[in-house]
Amino acid sequence: FGYLGIVELIVAGSLAVISFLMWLPSKLRLRESTTSDAYGLAFRFRDFATEVALLPDQRFTSVVANLCEVDREFLQKMLLTLSPAILHVQPNKLLSQRLLPGVPFKSWNRRELIRNHQKRMLCGQAQEN
């Protein structure tokens, strides 16, 4: 029983590991994204960003200040990703900058950003490229 039991345990364990390894990729596989998914995400994000932009400054800063450390780090990473990808501006921190193909290198300048917003709003060109 000793050797036969050990062999059976090894075979059963091997089958369990093989089954697990065959099952695991099906759970890790990402669903293929479609164009309509991307458009839906884009408009959900724009709606969210609009709502955030309309929050009073005091409420918004209070919400950010009360985020836990993990959420604040996630927010920081999100800004470092979205700034170059959407606004085509690089963060001021040298180690956080990303070069994107076909995107001219331009650093984030808050004063310039606010000035551009004001000019576009006054000229009625808030959503122009």
C-alpha atoms as a PDB file:
ATOM      1  CA  PHE A   1       0.000   0.000   0.000  1.00  0.00           C
ATOM      2  CA  GLY A   2       2.871   2.384   0.769  1.00  0.00           C
ATOM      3  CA  TYR A   3       4.437   2.717  -2.691  1.00  0.00           C
ATOM      4  CA  LEU A   4       1.165   2.270  -4.565  1.00  0.00           C
ATOM      5  CA  GLY A   5      -0.520   4.942  -2.410  1.00  0.00           C
ATOM      6  CA  ILE A   6       2.337   7.389  -3.023  1.00  0.00           C
ATOM      7  CA  VAL A   7       2.203   6.751  -6.791  1.00  0.00           C
ATOM      8  CA  GLU A   8      -1.579   7.298  -6.770  1.00  0.00           C
ATOM      9  CA  LEU A   9      -1.165  10.559  -4.859  1.00  0.00           C
ATOM     10  CA  ILE A  10       1.505  11.756  -7.301  1.00  0.00           C
ATOM     11  CA  VAL A  11      -0.665  10.866 -10.322  1.00  0.00           C
ATOM     12  CA  ALA A  12      -3.761  12.515  -8.776  1.00  0.00           C
ATOM     13  CA  GLY A  13      -1.745  15.619  -7.855  1.00  0.00           C
ATOM     14  CA  SER A  14      -0.272  15.803 -11.349  1.00  0.00           C
ATOM     15  CA  LEU A  15      -3.730  15.551 -12.915  1.00  0.00           C
ATOM     16  CA  ALA A  16      -5.008  18.266 -10.594  1.00  0.00           C
ATOM     17  CA  VAL A  17      -2.098  20.578 -11.513  1.00  0.00           C
ATOM     18  CA  ILE A  18      -2.558  19.884 -15.251  1.00  0.00           C
ATOM     19  CA  SER A  19      -6.316  20.551 -14.996  1.00  0.00           C
ATOM     20  CA  PHE A  20      -5.674  23.788 -13.120  1.00  0.00           C
ATOM     21  CA  LEU A  21      -3.093  24.931 -15.687  1.00  0.00           C
ATOM     22  CA  MET A  22      -5.532  24.185 -18.509  1.00  0.00           C
ATOM     23  CA  TRP A  23      -8.364  26.065 -16.736  1.00  0.00           C
ATOM     24  CA  LEU A  24      -6.316  29.123 -15.695  1.00  0.00           C
ATOM     25  CA  PRO A  25      -5.735  30.689 -19.163  1.00  0.00           C
ATOM     26  CA  SER A  26      -9.470  30.715 -19.861  1.00  0.00           C
ATOM     27  CA  LYS A  27      -9.991  32.888 -16.773  1.00  0.00           C
ATOM     28  CA  LEU A  28      -7.061  35.192 -17.553  1.00  0.00           C
ATOM     29  CA  ARG A  29      -7.974  35.773 -21.191  1.00  0.00           C
ATOM     30  CA  LEU A  30      -9.090  39.338 -21.773  1.00  0.00           C
ATOM     31  CA  ARG A  31     -12.231  39.938 -23.735  1.00  0.00           C
ATOM     32  CA  GLU A  32     -11.551  41.495 -27.120  1.00  0.00           C
ATOM     33  CA  SER A  33     -12.423  45.141 -27.121  1.00  0.00           C
ATOM     34  CA  THR A  34     -14.615  46.448 -29.902  1.00  0.00           C
ATOM     35  CA  THR A  35     -14.818  49.928 -31.334  1.00  0.00           C
ATOM     36  CA  SER A  36     -18.243  50.427 -29.772  1.00  0.00           C
ATOM     37  CA  ASP A  37     -16.765  49.489 -26.364  1.00  0.00           C
ATOM     38  CA  ALA A  38     -14.086  52.142 -26.844  1.00  0.00           C
ATOM     39  CA  TYR A  39     -16.647  54.777 -27.842  1.00  0.00           C
ATOM     40  CA  GLY A  40     -18.841  53.883 -24.886  1.00  0.00           C
ATOM     41  CA  LEU A  41     -15.874  54.151 -22.529  1.00  0.00           C
ATOM     42  CA  ALA A  42     -14.817  57.462 -24.086  1.00  0.00           C
ATOM     43  CA  PHE A  43     -18.234  59.047 -23.574  1.00  0.00           C
ATOM     44  CA  ARG A  44     -18.640  57.636 -20.043  1.00  0.00           C
ATOM     45  CA  PHE A  45     -15.243  59.104 -19.174  1.00  0.00           C
ATOM     46  CA  ARG A  46     -16.125  62.465 -20.744  1.00  0.00           C
ATOM     47  CA  ASP A  47     -19.427  62.566 -18.825  1.00  0.00           C
ATOM     48  CA  PHE A  48     -17.563  61.757 -15.611  1.00  0.00           C
ATOM     49  CA  ALA A  49     -14.891  64.393 -16.273  1.00  0.00           C
ATOM     50  CA  THR A  50     -17.584  66.986 -16.975  1.00  0.00           C
ATOM     51  CA  GLU A  51     -19.326  66.231 -13.678  1.00  0.00           C
ATOM     52  CA  VAL A  52     -16.011  66.453 -11.820  1.00  0.00           C
ATOM     53  CA  ALA A  53     -15.196  69.773 -13.516  1.00  0.00           C
ATOM     54  CA  LEU A  54     -18.540  71.191 -12.365  1.00  0.00           C
ATOM     55  CA  LEU A  55     -17.959  70.325  -8.693  1.00  0.00           C
ATOM     56  CA  PRO A  56     -17.230  73.312  -6.456  1.00  0.00           C
ATOM     57  CA  ASP A  57     -13.501  73.586  -5.688  1.00  0.00           C
ATOM     58  CA  GLN A  58     -13.993  73.166  -1.941  1.00  0.00           C
ATOM     59  CA  ARG A  59     -15.982  69.947  -2.372  1.00  0.00           C
ATOM     60  CA  PHE A  60     -13.572  68.517  -4.932  1.00  0.00           C
ATOM     61  CA  THR A  61     -10.443  69.226  -2.895  1.00  0.00           C
ATOM     62  CA  SER A  62     -12.150  67.799   0.185  1.00  0.00           C
ATOM     63  CA  VAL A  63     -12.979  64.567  -1.666  1.00  0.00           C
ATOM     64  CA  VAL A  64      -9.399  64.178  -2.940  1.00  0.00           C
ATOM     65  CA  ALA A  65      -7.949  65.000   0.481  1.00  0.00           C
ATOM     66  CA  ASN A  66     -10.117  62.295   2.061  1.00  0.00           C
ATOM     67  CA  LEU A  67      -9.111  59.547  -0.381  1.00  0.00           C
ATOM     68  CA  CYS A  68      -7.136  56.708   1.146  1.00  0.00           C
ATOM     69  CA  GLU A  69      -3.458  56.474   0.194  1.00  0.00           C
ATOM     70  CA  VAL A  70      -4.025  53.665  -2.327  1.00  0.00           C
ATOM     71  CA  ASP A  71      -6.769  55.615  -4.120  1.00  0.00           C
ATOM     72  CA  ARG A  72      -4.641  58.776  -4.173  1.00  0.00           C
ATOM     73  CA  GLU A  73      -1.745  56.816  -5.727  1.00  0.00           C
ATOM     74  CA  PHE A  74      -4.167  55.362  -8.291  1.00  0.00           C
ATOM     75  CA  LEU A  75      -5.419  58.870  -9.102  1.00  0.00           C
ATOM     76  CA  GLN A  76      -1.813  60.034  -9.542  1.00  0.00           C
ATOM     77  CA  LYS A  77      -1.040  57.122 -11.899  1.00  0.00           C
ATOM     78  CA  MET A  78      -4.214  57.827 -13.852  1.00  0.00           C
ATOM     79  CA  LEU A  79      -3.162  61.464 -14.332  1.00  0.00           C
ATOM     80  CA  LEU A  80       0.317  60.399 -15.443  1.00  0.00           C
ATOM     81  CA  THR A  81      -1.259  58.092 -18.022  1.00  0.00           C
ATOM     82  CA  LEU A  82      -4.040  60.333 -19.298  1.00  0.00           C
ATOM     83  CA  SER A  83      -2.130  63.629 -19.527  1.00  0.00           C
ATOM     84  CA  PRO A  84       0.094  62.537 -22.418  1.00  0.00           C
ATOM     85  CA  ALA A  85      -2.466  60.207 -23.992  1.00  0.00           C
ATOM     86  CA  ILE A  86      -5.411  62.626 -24.115  1.00  0.00           C
ATOM     87  CA  LEU A  87      -4.051  66.157 -23.651  1.00  0.00           C
ATOM     88  CA  HIS A  88      -0.644  65.527 -25.271  1.00  0.00           C
ATOM     89  CA  VAL A  89       1.194  67.153 -22.371  1.00  0.00           C
ATOM     90  CA  GLN A  90       3.872  65.581 -20.213  1.00  0.00           C
ATOM     91  CA  PRO A  91       3.948  65.741 -16.414  1.00  0.00           C
ATOM     92  CA  ASN A  92       6.560  68.089 -14.968  1.00  0.00           C
ATOM     93  CA  LYS A  93       8.306  65.213 -13.163  1.00  0.00           C
ATOM     94  CA  LEU A  94      11.081  63.978 -15.440  1.00  0.00           C
ATOM     95  CA  LEU A  95      10.786  60.330 -14.326  1.00  0.00           C
ATOM     96  CA  SER A  96       7.030  60.325 -14.982  1.00  0.00           C
ATOM     97  CA  GLN A  97       7.233  61.503 -18.572  1.00  0.00           C
ATOM     98  CA  ARG A  98       6.279  59.194 -21.430  1.00  0.00           C
ATOM     99  CA  LEU A  99       7.180  59.669 -25.058  1.00  0.00           C
ATOM    100  CA  LEU A 100       4.313  58.815 -27.369  1.00  0.00           C
ATOM    101  CA  PRO A 101       4.878  58.232 -31.090  1.00  0.00           C
ATOM    102  CA  GLY A 102       3.628  61.116 -33.215  1.00  0.00           C
ATOM    103  CA  VAL A 103       2.941  63.353 -30.204  1.00  0.00           C
ATOM    104  CA  PRO A 104       5.105  66.464 -29.848  1.00  0.00           C
ATOM    105  CA  PHE A 105       6.840  66.782 -26.491  1.00  0.00           C
ATOM    106  CA  LYS A 106       5.209  69.481 -24.372  1.00  0.00           C
ATOM    107  CA  SER A 107       5.333  69.842 -20.579  1.00  0.00           C
ATOM    108  CA  TRP A 108       2.312  70.475 -18.391  1.00  0.00           C
ATOM    109  CA  ASN A 109       1.906  74.157 -17.591  1.00  0.00           C
ATOM    110  CA  ARG A 110      -1.135  74.875 -15.425  1.00  0.00           C
ATOM    111  CA  ARG A 111      -1.148  78.638 -16.112  1.00  0.00           C
ATOM    112  CA  GLU A 112      -0.993  78.081 -19.865  1.00  0.00           C
ATOM    113  CA  LEU A 113      -3.760  75.478 -19.635  1.00  0.00           C
ATOM    114  CA  ILE A 114      -6.050  77.875 -17.723  1.00  0.00           C
ATOM    115  CA  ARG A 115      -5.231  80.719 -20.143  1.00  0.00           C
ATOM    116  CA  ASN A 116      -6.100  78.484 -23.131  1.00  0.00           C
ATOM    117  CA  HIS A 117      -9.380  77.418 -21.483  1.00  0.00           C
ATOM    118  CA  GLN A 118     -10.356  81.026 -20.881  1.00  0.00           C
ATOM    119  CA  LYS A 119      -9.525  82.092 -24.444  1.00  0.00           C
ATOM    120  CA  ARG A 120     -11.452  79.181 -25.936  1.00  0.00           C
ATOM    121  CA  MET A 121     -14.486  79.828 -23.739  1.00  0.00           C
ATOM    122  CA  LEU A 122     -14.518  83.556 -24.591  1.00  0.00           C
ATOM    123  CA  CYS A 123     -14.246  82.803 -28.336  1.00  0.00           C
ATOM    124  CA  GLY A 124     -16.941  80.125 -28.215  1.00  0.00           C
ATOM    125  CA  GLN A 125     -14.457  77.404 -29.169  1.00  0.00           C
ATOM    126  CA  ALA A 126     -14.620  75.269 -26.025  1.00  0.00           C
ATOM    127  CA  GLN A 127     -14.622  71.945 -27.882  1.00  0.00           C
ATOM    128  CA  GLU A 128     -12.405  72.679 -30.849  1.00  0.00           C
ATOM    129  CA  ASN A 129      -9.336  70.565 -31.511  1.00  0.00           C
END
